[in-house]
Amino acid sequence: MPTDPAPAPAPAPRPDRRTVLRGTLATGAATALSLAATTAAAADAPADRTFTLTGHLPTGAPDFVHLPVEVPDGVREIAVSYGYDKPPVPAGTPGNSCDIGIFDERGTDLGGDGFRGWSGGFRTEFSVARDAATPGYLPGPINPGTWHIVLGPYQVAPQGLDYRVQVTLRFGEPGPEFTPHYPPERARGRGRAWYRGDCHLHTVHSDGRRLPAEVAAGAREAGLDFIVSTDHNTSSSHAVWGPLAGPDLLILTGEEVTTRNGHWLALGLPAGEFVDWRYRSRDEEYPRFVRQVHRSGGLVVPAHPYCPYVACQWKFGYEQADAVEVWNGPWTYDDESAVDTWDAQLAVALRHGRSWTPAMGNSDAHSAPQVIGSPHNVVLAEDLTRDALLDGLRAGRSWLAESAAVRLDLTVTGHGRRAGIGEELTVPADAPLDVRLTVSGVPGGTVRLLTDEGQMHQEPLAADGSGTVVWRTTASLAAYVRAEVRHPRADGTPGRGNAMGPDLPWGPMAALTNPVVLRAEDR
């Protein structure tokens, strides 16, 4: 989740709203924009040029405000700083919060080529040049033309928001061309095996405080085999992961796409690829970007769908999702809600013969003391490669663990057949089926076995946290079986799955599996 109750970027406004706003900018802002164009046009002057853009945004301003900046020939670097007022507001009323980014002369079209960087509200200044850029921004040519500073006022106080953006154009010879160092798509694996990975991580390239090197070191310390880089609304970190990967750690590239109607993970993107986030559910643009990710073989995963922060709640539906993040960081009540929703959807999907949506768990770690790899996914894959891991996650051949200390195995056997997590077992409707769960690493833990009827079996683990639980059912009684392993509650009790009371019935999650699907043979 975000590190504070302020979500990242916002969706693209409709053209008429943007046009209206531009027509209502304060007189000072209009004058400043005109001055900016005039000042920047003096291309023959070698001295740096600095100008200021100011304006007022009322409550109800568009999601994005585009401030044009004319960049002449000879500019080697664009430097930007900004600020905005934060007037007092009544209790319970959001105050001003405004994000910032930049698009180059290729334009601001949704999904276009003009994106050059975004820092949300995490930074107050940034710079872009041919050879280097502030984290979150893309190095590259500073071509002449109309660039745009883009503001994202995702919270505006009743008094409105007054902004001030200072732009400096620095002239001179451009630096050398930037060379990206993308990570390889394969590491030294163990063949067909279970691989551990955290698919939601942030660095200084968005609103995290860890350097990419620190994230890679943390992943190794956590016993992970792979990670996915998912900085908010930018691909800038993709270019630095190469030297940090290795035979022991596969690093995949991705993005957390943060819209005004929820966040989603684009996992396994081609290195350097950017996914736009400037839309709301009502704009009907989300399917377009789902298709973009799917064309490259990547995964679309709604993130922390019940996060209570502004713009984090998921509003796009789950029909086009490849998985859903039901466990995000330390276990809290919103994760309970996400698991309940996911479980309810399993039965509906199986009843209608549709594919079901796998569950995922990720740390969403931004900064210390947030723990990389808590939780993470344990994926059955043919090898430690991008395609094999994405295939395993897409198929639901995975389970979720709070740490590498937790080990688990779930199988269902009967009628001479066997299936594991994410697989299907087709047997006669009344054939006895033995569900076997083996666990270690959860001292004082409690095992839960659940089907489409709810919790059907509960059993404690031994004091050392290990044990094997066996339970019998049939395909006529259960459409699927899945397992949870819980820690004790705060009062030390194990909790009861078939009881009601004033507080949560369970302690924090230690492990959660995707289902084994049970199907009755047609006669």
Protein backbone atom coordinates (compact mmCIF):
# COMPACT_ATOMS: atom_id res chain seq x y z
CA MET A 1 0.00 0.00 0.00
CA PRO A 2 1.04 3.65 -0.17
CA THR A 3 3.17 4.84 2.74
CA ASP A 4 0.65 7.55 3.64
CA PRO A 5 -3.04 8.11 3.01
CA ALA A 6 -2.36 9.86 -0.25
CA PRO A 7 -2.59 7.73 -3.36
CA ALA A 8 -0.46 8.37 -6.35
CA PRO A 9 -1.50 9.81 -9.68
CA ALA A 10 -4.81 10.34 -11.19
CA PRO A 11 -6.75 9.65 -14.35
CA ALA A 12 -6.89 11.66 -17.51
CA PRO A 13 -9.65 14.24 -17.68
CA ARG A 14 -12.05 14.48 -20.57
CA PRO A 15 -10.93 17.06 -23.16
CA ASP A 16 -13.84 19.40 -22.48
CA ARG A 17 -13.00 19.56 -18.76
CA ARG A 18 -9.37 20.33 -19.51
CA THR A 19 -10.37 23.02 -21.98
CA VAL A 20 -12.71 24.59 -19.46
CA LEU A 21 -10.02 24.64 -16.80
CA ARG A 22 -7.45 26.22 -19.08
CA GLY A 23 -9.98 28.94 -19.76
CA THR A 24 -10.44 29.60 -16.05
CA LEU A 25 -6.80 29.69 -14.93
CA ALA A 26 -5.94 32.75 -12.90
CA THR A 27 -4.83 35.78 -14.90
CA GLY A 28 -1.37 35.50 -13.36
CA ALA A 29 -1.04 31.96 -14.61
CA ALA A 30 -2.03 32.89 -18.15
CA THR A 31 0.49 35.71 -18.13
CA ALA A 32 3.17 33.38 -16.79
CA LEU A 33 2.47 30.83 -19.51
CA SER A 34 2.78 33.52 -22.16
CA LEU A 35 5.99 34.75 -20.56
CA ALA A 36 7.29 31.18 -20.45
CA ALA A 37 6.84 30.75 -24.17
CA THR A 38 8.45 34.10 -24.89
CA THR A 39 11.37 33.53 -22.55
CA ALA A 40 12.06 29.99 -23.75
CA ALA A 41 12.05 31.17 -27.35
CA ALA A 42 15.33 33.04 -26.88
CA ALA A 43 17.31 30.05 -28.10
CA ASP A 44 20.39 32.02 -29.05
CA ALA A 45 21.14 33.07 -25.48
CA PRO A 46 23.64 30.68 -23.84
CA ALA A 47 22.73 31.63 -20.26
CA ASP A 48 20.31 29.48 -18.28
CA ARG A 49 16.70 30.67 -18.41
CA THR A 50 14.34 30.39 -15.44
CA PHE A 51 10.65 31.25 -15.39
CA THR A 52 7.70 30.56 -13.15
CA LEU A 53 4.21 29.24 -13.87
CA THR A 54 1.50 30.00 -11.35
CA GLY A 55 -2.22 29.36 -11.18
CA HIS A 56 -5.25 28.52 -9.12
CA LEU A 57 -7.16 25.21 -9.32
CA PRO A 58 -10.67 25.17 -7.91
CA THR A 59 -12.37 22.23 -6.23
CA GLY A 60 -13.50 19.97 -9.07
CA ALA A 61 -10.44 20.72 -11.19
CA PRO A 62 -9.59 18.12 -13.86
CA ASP A 63 -7.55 15.13 -12.79
CA PHE A 64 -4.61 16.44 -14.82
CA VAL A 65 -3.57 19.98 -15.71
CA HIS A 66 -1.12 20.40 -18.60
CA LEU A 67 1.21 23.42 -18.47
CA PRO A 68 2.94 23.98 -21.84
CA VAL A 69 6.63 24.92 -21.92
CA GLU A 70 8.31 25.92 -25.20
CA VAL A 71 11.75 24.35 -25.37
CA PRO A 72 14.10 25.86 -27.98
CA ASP A 73 17.15 24.33 -29.65
CA GLY A 74 20.28 24.01 -27.56
CA VAL A 75 18.74 23.00 -24.23
CA ARG A 76 20.77 20.26 -22.53
CA GLU A 77 18.68 19.94 -19.33
CA ILE A 78 15.26 20.84 -18.01
CA ALA A 79 15.02 21.36 -14.24
CA VAL A 80 11.67 21.75 -12.48
CA SER A 81 10.65 22.54 -8.92
CA TYR A 82 7.16 23.14 -7.59
CA GLY A 83 5.03 23.86 -4.58
CA TYR A 84 1.43 24.57 -3.65
CA ASP A 85 -0.47 26.05 -0.75
CA LYS A 86 -1.94 23.93 2.04
CA PRO A 87 -4.64 26.02 3.70
CA PRO A 88 -6.34 24.73 6.87
CA VAL A 89 -9.45 22.64 6.22
CA PRO A 90 -12.30 21.44 8.45
CA ALA A 91 -11.80 18.15 10.26
CA GLY A 92 -12.53 15.21 7.97
CA THR A 93 -11.98 17.25 4.79
CA PRO A 94 -9.03 16.39 2.51
CA GLY A 95 -6.39 19.08 2.16
CA ASN A 96 -4.41 19.93 -0.94
CA SER A 97 -2.24 17.24 -2.53
CA CYS A 98 -0.79 17.58 -6.00
CA ASP A 99 1.42 15.26 -8.07
CA ILE A 100 3.79 16.25 -10.86
CA GLY A 101 5.44 14.80 -13.96
CA ILE A 102 6.57 15.79 -17.44
CA PHE A 103 5.86 14.86 -21.07
CA ASP A 104 8.12 15.81 -23.94
CA GLU A 105 7.46 17.30 -27.40
CA ARG A 106 5.76 14.10 -28.57
CA GLY A 107 2.65 15.09 -26.65
CA THR A 108 0.43 14.08 -23.74
CA ASP A 109 -1.89 11.65 -25.53
CA LEU A 110 -3.07 8.76 -23.37
CA GLY A 111 -0.74 5.84 -23.99
CA GLY A 112 1.40 7.95 -26.31
CA ASP A 113 5.16 8.25 -26.64
CA GLY A 114 5.63 11.56 -24.81
CA PHE A 115 6.01 10.25 -21.25
CA ARG A 116 9.30 11.34 -19.65
CA GLY A 117 8.65 10.80 -15.98
CA TRP A 118 6.47 11.02 -12.91
CA SER A 119 7.26 11.45 -9.24
CA GLY A 120 3.75 11.86 -7.87
CA GLY A 121 3.93 13.90 -4.69
CA PHE A 122 7.16 12.31 -3.50
CA ARG A 123 9.56 14.96 -4.85
CA THR A 124 9.43 18.73 -5.08
CA GLU A 125 12.01 18.99 -7.85
CA PHE A 126 13.46 16.95 -10.71
CA SER A 127 15.60 17.28 -13.82
CA VAL A 128 15.81 15.55 -17.19
CA ALA A 129 18.79 15.45 -19.56
CA ARG A 130 20.13 13.23 -22.32
CA ASP A 131 22.55 11.33 -20.11
CA ALA A 132 20.79 11.35 -16.74
CA ALA A 133 17.54 12.10 -14.94
CA THR A 134 16.14 12.19 -11.44
CA PRO A 135 14.80 8.76 -10.37
CA GLY A 136 11.29 8.40 -11.73
CA TYR A 137 12.25 10.22 -14.93
CA LEU A 138 13.68 8.99 -18.22
CA PRO A 139 17.01 10.22 -19.61
CA GLY A 140 16.91 11.04 -23.29
CA PRO A 141 17.08 13.76 -25.92
CA ILE A 142 15.90 17.25 -25.03
CA ASN A 143 14.30 17.98 -28.37
CA PRO A 144 12.83 21.38 -29.21
CA GLY A 145 9.08 21.78 -29.17
CA THR A 146 6.22 22.08 -26.74
CA TRP A 147 6.79 20.07 -23.58
CA HIS A 148 4.24 19.85 -20.78
CA ILE A 149 4.57 19.94 -17.03
CA VAL A 150 1.64 17.84 -15.81
CA LEU A 151 0.03 18.46 -12.44
CA GLY A 152 -2.21 15.86 -10.80
CA PRO A 153 -4.35 17.60 -8.14
CA TYR A 154 -5.89 14.49 -6.60
CA GLN A 155 -7.06 16.31 -3.47
CA VAL A 156 -8.19 19.95 -3.58
CA ALA A 157 -9.24 21.88 -0.48
CA PRO A 158 -12.52 23.84 -0.46
CA GLN A 159 -10.47 27.02 -0.91
CA GLY A 160 -8.84 25.63 -4.03
CA LEU A 161 -5.17 25.03 -4.74
CA ASP A 162 -2.60 27.68 -5.69
CA TYR A 163 0.44 26.23 -7.45
CA ARG A 164 3.84 27.58 -8.38
CA VAL A 165 6.10 25.75 -10.85
CA GLN A 166 9.62 26.98 -11.57
CA VAL A 167 11.26 25.79 -14.78
CA THR A 168 14.94 26.24 -15.64
CA LEU A 169 16.25 25.58 -19.16
CA ARG A 170 19.97 24.92 -19.12
CA PHE A 171 21.78 25.38 -22.43
CA GLY A 172 24.88 23.65 -23.66
CA GLU A 173 26.16 20.54 -25.36
CA PRO A 174 24.17 17.41 -24.47
CA GLY A 175 25.80 14.69 -22.46
CA PRO A 176 26.50 11.22 -23.85
CA GLU A 177 23.58 8.99 -24.75
CA PHE A 178 22.21 7.08 -21.76
CA THR A 179 22.73 3.31 -21.86
CA PRO A 180 20.11 1.26 -20.02
CA HIS A 181 21.11 -1.92 -18.22
CA TYR A 182 18.04 -4.13 -18.23
CA PRO A 183 17.94 -7.37 -16.24
CA PRO A 184 17.99 -10.76 -18.00
CA GLU A 185 14.79 -12.81 -18.17
CA ARG A 186 16.41 -15.98 -16.85
CA ALA A 187 18.38 -16.99 -13.77
CA ARG A 188 19.93 -20.25 -12.65
CA GLY A 189 16.96 -22.34 -11.61
CA ARG A 190 16.33 -25.84 -10.34
CA GLY A 191 14.19 -27.01 -13.23
CA ARG A 192 10.58 -27.72 -12.33
CA ALA A 193 10.41 -26.50 -8.73
CA TRP A 194 8.75 -24.13 -6.29
CA TYR A 195 10.22 -20.61 -6.51
CA ARG A 196 9.67 -17.77 -4.04
CA GLY A 197 9.10 -14.20 -5.18
CA ASP A 198 7.78 -10.80 -4.17
CA CYS A 199 5.87 -9.14 -7.03
CA HIS A 200 5.17 -5.69 -5.56
CA LEU A 201 8.16 -3.56 -4.53
CA HIS A 202 9.09 0.12 -4.62
CA THR A 203 12.35 2.05 -4.81
CA VAL A 204 13.49 5.68 -4.92
CA HIS A 205 12.22 5.68 -8.51
CA SER A 206 8.72 6.30 -7.08
CA ASP A 207 7.77 6.79 -3.42
CA GLY A 208 10.13 4.29 -1.82
CA ARG A 209 13.26 5.19 0.10
CA ARG A 210 15.30 2.13 -0.75
CA LEU A 211 17.80 2.17 -3.58
CA PRO A 212 17.41 -0.65 -6.11
CA ALA A 213 20.60 -2.19 -4.71
CA GLU A 214 19.05 -2.26 -1.24
CA VAL A 215 15.90 -3.93 -2.59
CA ALA A 216 17.95 -6.61 -4.33
CA ALA A 217 19.97 -7.22 -1.17
CA GLY A 218 16.76 -7.43 0.87
CA ALA A 219 15.30 -9.96 -1.54
CA ARG A 220 18.36 -12.19 -1.19
CA GLU A 221 18.25 -11.85 2.59
CA ALA A 222 14.58 -12.91 2.53
CA GLY A 223 15.44 -16.10 0.63
CA LEU A 224 13.64 -15.07 -2.56
CA ASP A 225 14.36 -16.45 -5.99
CA PHE A 226 12.76 -13.57 -7.91
CA ILE A 227 11.24 -10.12 -7.53
CA VAL A 228 9.21 -7.79 -9.74
CA SER A 229 10.00 -4.07 -9.83
CA THR A 230 6.72 -2.12 -9.60
CA ASP A 231 7.40 1.56 -9.08
CA HIS A 232 4.37 3.84 -9.40
CA ASN A 233 3.57 5.07 -12.92
CA THR A 234 7.07 4.93 -14.33
CA SER A 235 9.46 2.54 -16.02
CA SER A 236 12.60 4.46 -15.05
CA SER A 237 13.95 1.83 -12.65
CA HIS A 238 13.94 -0.86 -15.36
CA ALA A 239 17.21 0.48 -16.74
CA VAL A 240 19.22 0.01 -13.53
CA TRP A 241 18.34 -3.54 -12.45
CA GLY A 242 20.72 -5.38 -14.78
CA PRO A 243 23.86 -5.35 -12.59
CA LEU A 244 21.77 -6.20 -9.50
CA ALA A 245 20.32 -9.43 -10.89
CA GLY A 246 22.34 -12.62 -10.89
CA PRO A 247 22.23 -16.39 -11.15
CA ASP A 248 20.59 -16.47 -7.71
CA LEU A 249 18.02 -13.70 -8.25
CA LEU A 250 15.74 -13.08 -11.24
CA ILE A 251 14.48 -9.49 -11.48
CA LEU A 252 11.40 -8.90 -13.62
CA THR A 253 10.26 -5.46 -14.74
CA GLY A 254 6.79 -4.08 -14.11
CA GLU A 255 4.80 -1.09 -12.88
CA GLU A 256 2.18 -0.24 -10.29
CA VAL A 257 -0.44 1.60 -12.32
CA THR A 258 -2.12 4.01 -9.89
CA THR A 259 -5.41 5.41 -11.16
CA ARG A 260 -8.11 7.39 -9.35
CA ASN A 261 -10.20 4.20 -9.13
CA GLY A 262 -7.63 1.75 -7.80
CA HIS A 263 -4.11 0.46 -8.31
CA TRP A 264 -3.04 -2.49 -10.43
CA LEU A 265 0.20 -4.32 -11.05
CA ALA A 266 1.49 -4.79 -14.59
CA LEU A 267 3.86 -7.72 -14.04
CA GLY A 268 6.50 -8.94 -16.45
CA LEU A 269 6.49 -5.93 -18.77
CA PRO A 270 9.11 -5.77 -21.52
CA ALA A 271 11.98 -3.78 -20.05
CA GLY A 272 11.46 -0.06 -20.60
CA GLU A 273 7.74 -0.31 -21.39
CA PHE A 274 5.42 2.23 -19.75
CA VAL A 275 1.73 1.72 -18.94
CA ASP A 276 -0.46 4.81 -18.68
CA TRP A 277 -2.56 5.45 -15.58
CA ARG A 278 -4.48 8.63 -16.45
CA TYR A 279 -8.08 7.35 -16.51
CA ARG A 280 -10.99 6.41 -14.31
CA SER A 281 -13.31 3.42 -14.53
CA ARG A 282 -15.98 5.52 -16.24
CA ASP A 283 -13.55 6.46 -19.04
CA GLU A 284 -13.55 2.86 -20.38
CA GLU A 285 -9.81 3.06 -21.05
CA TYR A 286 -8.70 0.32 -18.63
CA PRO A 287 -9.38 -2.55 -21.12
CA ARG A 288 -7.03 -0.89 -23.60
CA PHE A 289 -4.12 -1.07 -21.18
CA VAL A 290 -5.03 -4.57 -20.08
CA ARG A 291 -4.64 -5.56 -23.74
CA GLN A 292 -1.27 -3.80 -23.87
CA VAL A 293 0.04 -5.88 -20.95
CA HIS A 294 -1.46 -9.11 -22.28
CA ARG A 295 0.07 -8.62 -25.72
CA SER A 296 3.50 -8.79 -24.13
CA GLY A 297 2.61 -11.85 -22.05
CA GLY A 298 2.44 -9.91 -18.78
CA LEU A 299 -0.06 -10.18 -15.94
CA VAL A 300 -2.74 -7.73 -14.75
CA VAL A 301 -3.22 -7.88 -10.97
CA PRO A 302 -5.51 -5.55 -8.96
CA ALA A 303 -3.51 -4.49 -5.91
CA HIS A 304 -4.75 -4.10 -2.31
CA PRO A 305 -8.37 -3.75 -3.53
CA TYR A 306 -9.76 -2.76 -0.11
CA CYS A 307 -7.02 -0.30 0.86
CA PRO A 308 -8.86 2.61 2.55
CA TYR A 309 -6.67 5.41 1.17
CA VAL A 310 -8.07 7.87 -1.34
CA ALA A 311 -8.30 6.38 -4.87
CA CYS A 312 -6.97 2.97 -3.80
CA GLN A 313 -10.24 1.01 -3.71
CA TRP A 314 -10.62 -1.18 -6.78
CA LYS A 315 -13.46 -0.10 -9.13
CA PHE A 316 -12.64 -1.78 -12.46
CA GLY A 317 -13.97 -5.27 -11.73
CA TYR A 318 -12.05 -8.53 -11.87
CA GLU A 319 -13.14 -9.97 -15.23
CA GLN A 320 -9.90 -9.07 -17.01
CA ALA A 321 -7.54 -9.71 -14.11
CA ASP A 322 -5.02 -12.55 -14.23
CA ALA A 323 -4.74 -12.68 -10.42
CA VAL A 324 -5.70 -10.52 -7.45
CA GLU A 325 -3.50 -9.33 -4.60
CA VAL A 326 -5.44 -10.50 -1.54
CA TRP A 327 -2.57 -10.06 0.94
CA ASN A 328 -0.56 -6.86 0.98
CA GLY A 329 2.13 -6.33 3.61
CA PRO A 330 1.35 -6.95 7.30
CA TRP A 331 -2.00 -8.70 7.71
CA THR A 332 -4.88 -6.25 8.38
CA TYR A 333 -8.67 -6.15 8.11
CA ASP A 334 -8.62 -5.07 4.46
CA ASP A 335 -6.76 -8.28 3.61
CA GLU A 336 -9.56 -10.24 5.33
CA SER A 337 -12.04 -8.47 3.08
CA ALA A 338 -9.97 -9.20 -0.02
CA VAL A 339 -9.70 -12.92 0.78
CA ASP A 340 -13.45 -13.14 1.49
CA THR A 341 -14.28 -11.50 -1.85
CA TRP A 342 -11.82 -13.71 -3.74
CA ASP A 343 -13.17 -16.86 -2.10
CA ALA A 344 -16.76 -15.95 -2.97
CA GLN A 345 -15.75 -15.44 -6.61
CA LEU A 346 -14.17 -18.90 -6.79
CA ALA A 347 -17.51 -20.66 -6.38
CA VAL A 348 -19.23 -18.39 -8.90
CA ALA A 349 -16.53 -18.96 -11.52
CA LEU A 350 -16.56 -22.73 -11.10
CA ARG A 351 -20.37 -22.89 -11.17
CA HIS A 352 -20.43 -21.14 -14.53
CA GLY A 353 -17.50 -23.08 -15.95
CA ARG A 354 -15.30 -20.00 -16.15
CA SER A 355 -11.64 -19.75 -15.29
CA TRP A 356 -11.01 -18.69 -11.71
CA THR A 357 -8.75 -15.88 -10.57
CA PRO A 358 -5.68 -16.89 -8.53
CA ALA A 359 -4.70 -15.14 -5.32
CA MET A 360 -1.36 -13.38 -4.81
CA GLY A 361 0.43 -11.91 -1.80
CA ASN A 362 3.17 -9.27 -1.87
CA SER A 363 4.99 -7.02 0.56
CA ASP A 364 4.45 -3.69 -1.22
CA ALA A 365 7.56 -2.68 0.72
CA HIS A 366 8.57 0.95 0.28
CA SER A 367 11.01 1.68 3.10
CA ALA A 368 12.35 0.30 6.37
CA PRO A 369 10.92 -1.14 8.56
CA GLN A 370 8.63 -2.68 5.88
CA VAL A 371 9.96 -6.18 5.20
CA ILE A 372 10.77 -7.28 1.66
CA GLY A 373 9.21 -10.67 0.98
CA SER A 374 6.57 -10.49 3.71
CA PRO A 375 4.43 -11.87 2.24
CA HIS A 376 5.51 -13.45 -1.04
CA ASN A 377 4.39 -16.05 -3.57
CA VAL A 378 5.68 -19.61 -3.84
CA VAL A 379 5.23 -20.59 -7.49
CA LEU A 380 5.52 -23.97 -9.19
CA ALA A 381 7.33 -23.19 -12.44
CA GLU A 382 9.20 -25.17 -15.06
CA ASP A 383 12.30 -23.07 -14.44
CA LEU A 384 13.44 -19.72 -13.07
CA THR A 385 12.48 -17.67 -16.12
CA ARG A 386 10.08 -14.83 -16.79
CA ASP A 387 7.69 -16.85 -18.92
CA ALA A 388 7.68 -19.90 -16.65
CA LEU A 389 6.98 -17.86 -13.52
CA LEU A 390 4.22 -15.84 -15.16
CA ASP A 391 2.66 -19.08 -16.42
CA GLY A 392 2.69 -20.51 -12.90
CA LEU A 393 1.13 -17.40 -11.39
CA ARG A 394 -1.47 -17.19 -14.15
CA ALA A 395 -2.48 -20.81 -13.58
CA GLY A 396 -2.71 -20.41 -9.79
CA ARG A 397 0.01 -22.98 -9.16
CA SER A 398 1.10 -20.97 -6.17
CA TRP A 399 0.63 -20.33 -2.49
CA LEU A 400 1.30 -17.34 -0.27
CA ALA A 401 3.78 -17.28 2.62
CA GLU A 402 4.66 -14.67 5.20
CA SER A 403 8.35 -15.66 5.02
CA ALA A 404 10.72 -18.30 3.70
CA ALA A 405 10.54 -20.01 7.11
CA VAL A 406 7.03 -21.26 6.22
CA ARG A 407 6.78 -24.44 4.17
CA LEU A 408 3.61 -26.08 2.92
CA ASP A 409 2.31 -28.85 0.68
CA LEU A 410 -1.36 -29.45 -0.22
CA THR A 411 -2.60 -32.41 -2.26
CA VAL A 412 -5.88 -34.22 -2.89
CA THR A 413 -5.87 -37.93 -3.80
CA GLY A 414 -8.60 -40.41 -4.62
CA HIS A 415 -9.78 -42.96 -7.20
CA GLY A 416 -6.14 -43.50 -8.14
CA ARG A 417 -5.60 -39.86 -9.03
CA ARG A 418 -3.82 -36.90 -7.45
CA ALA A 419 -3.83 -33.10 -7.80
CA GLY A 420 -2.00 -30.24 -6.15
CA ILE A 421 -2.39 -26.50 -5.75
CA GLY A 422 -3.84 -24.85 -8.86
CA GLU A 423 -4.70 -28.18 -10.47
CA GLU A 424 -7.96 -30.03 -11.14
CA LEU A 425 -8.98 -33.48 -9.97
CA THR A 426 -11.84 -35.14 -11.88
CA VAL A 427 -13.29 -38.22 -10.17
CA PRO A 428 -16.67 -39.93 -9.64
CA ALA A 429 -18.90 -37.69 -7.56
CA ASP A 430 -18.97 -40.02 -4.54
CA ALA A 431 -15.33 -41.20 -4.66
CA PRO A 432 -13.60 -40.59 -1.29
CA LEU A 433 -10.93 -37.90 -1.56
CA ASP A 434 -8.15 -37.42 0.98
CA VAL A 435 -7.01 -33.84 1.46
CA ARG A 436 -3.50 -33.75 2.94
CA LEU A 437 -1.79 -30.59 4.15
CA THR A 438 1.75 -30.61 5.52
CA VAL A 439 3.03 -27.44 7.19
CA SER A 440 6.12 -26.24 9.04
CA GLY A 441 7.34 -22.92 10.37
CA VAL A 442 4.20 -21.64 12.12
CA PRO A 443 4.55 -22.18 15.91
CA GLY A 444 1.18 -22.23 17.62
CA GLY A 445 -0.52 -22.08 14.26
CA THR A 446 -3.97 -23.26 13.24
CA VAL A 447 -4.84 -24.98 9.96
CA ARG A 448 -8.10 -24.22 8.19
CA LEU A 449 -9.46 -26.23 5.27
CA LEU A 450 -12.12 -24.41 3.27
CA THR A 451 -14.44 -25.32 0.40
CA ASP A 452 -17.29 -23.56 -1.36
CA GLU A 453 -19.32 -24.24 1.82
CA GLY A 454 -16.83 -22.38 4.01
CA GLN A 455 -14.52 -23.74 6.70
CA MET A 456 -14.90 -27.52 6.93
CA HIS A 457 -11.97 -28.48 9.16
CA GLN A 458 -9.79 -26.78 11.78
CA GLU A 459 -6.78 -28.29 13.52
CA PRO A 460 -3.86 -26.97 15.59
CA LEU A 461 -0.22 -27.47 14.67
CA ALA A 462 2.35 -28.81 17.09
CA ALA A 463 4.26 -26.41 19.34
CA ASP A 464 7.17 -26.42 16.91
CA GLY A 465 4.87 -25.19 14.15
CA SER A 466 4.81 -28.35 12.06
CA GLY A 467 2.21 -30.99 11.34
CA THR A 468 0.19 -32.95 8.80
CA VAL A 469 -3.58 -32.64 8.57
CA VAL A 470 -5.74 -35.14 6.66
CA TRP A 471 -9.43 -34.60 5.91
CA ARG A 472 -11.82 -36.52 3.68
CA THR A 473 -14.44 -35.20 1.26
CA THR A 474 -15.95 -35.94 -2.18
CA ALA A 475 -16.39 -34.00 -5.41
CA SER A 476 -20.14 -33.96 -4.73
CA LEU A 477 -19.54 -32.04 -1.48
CA ALA A 478 -16.72 -29.70 -2.46
CA ALA A 479 -16.11 -27.76 -5.67
CA TYR A 480 -12.64 -26.87 -4.42
CA VAL A 481 -10.43 -27.15 -1.36
CA ARG A 482 -8.00 -24.52 -0.20
CA ALA A 483 -5.97 -24.05 2.97
CA GLU A 484 -5.09 -21.26 5.36
CA VAL A 485 -2.58 -21.33 8.21
CA ARG A 486 -3.12 -18.71 10.89
CA HIS A 487 -1.10 -17.42 13.80
CA PRO A 488 -2.78 -17.21 17.21
CA ARG A 489 -4.86 -14.16 17.96
CA ALA A 490 -3.47 -11.36 20.12
CA ASP A 491 -4.92 -13.00 23.24
CA GLY A 492 -3.13 -16.25 22.44
CA THR A 493 -6.23 -18.19 21.44
CA PRO A 494 -6.41 -20.00 18.09
CA GLY A 495 -9.72 -18.51 16.93
CA ARG A 496 -12.79 -20.29 15.63
CA GLY A 497 -13.88 -20.28 12.02
CA ASN A 498 -17.51 -21.20 12.66
CA ALA A 499 -18.22 -18.73 15.43
CA MET A 500 -19.45 -15.14 15.63
CA GLY A 501 -18.25 -12.46 17.97
CA PRO A 502 -17.42 -8.76 18.29
CA ASP A 503 -13.84 -9.11 17.03
CA LEU A 504 -12.01 -10.82 14.18
CA PRO A 505 -12.17 -14.62 14.58
CA TRP A 506 -8.59 -15.20 13.44
CA GLY A 507 -5.05 -14.11 14.01
CA PRO A 508 -2.74 -12.98 11.19
CA MET A 509 -2.28 -15.13 8.12
CA ALA A 510 0.91 -17.21 7.90
CA ALA A 511 0.12 -19.03 4.65
CA LEU A 512 -2.72 -19.27 2.16
CA THR A 513 -3.07 -21.56 -0.86
CA ASN A 514 -4.81 -21.29 -4.15
CA PRO A 515 -7.44 -24.02 -4.52
CA VAL A 516 -7.35 -27.59 -5.72
CA VAL A 517 -10.41 -27.76 -8.01
CA LEU A 518 -12.63 -30.85 -7.69
CA ARG A 519 -14.88 -31.92 -10.54
CA ALA A 520 -17.38 -34.77 -10.66
CA GLU A 521 -17.18 -37.00 -13.73
CA ASP A 522 -20.14 -36.89 -16.09
CA ARG A 523 -22.02 -40.19 -16.18
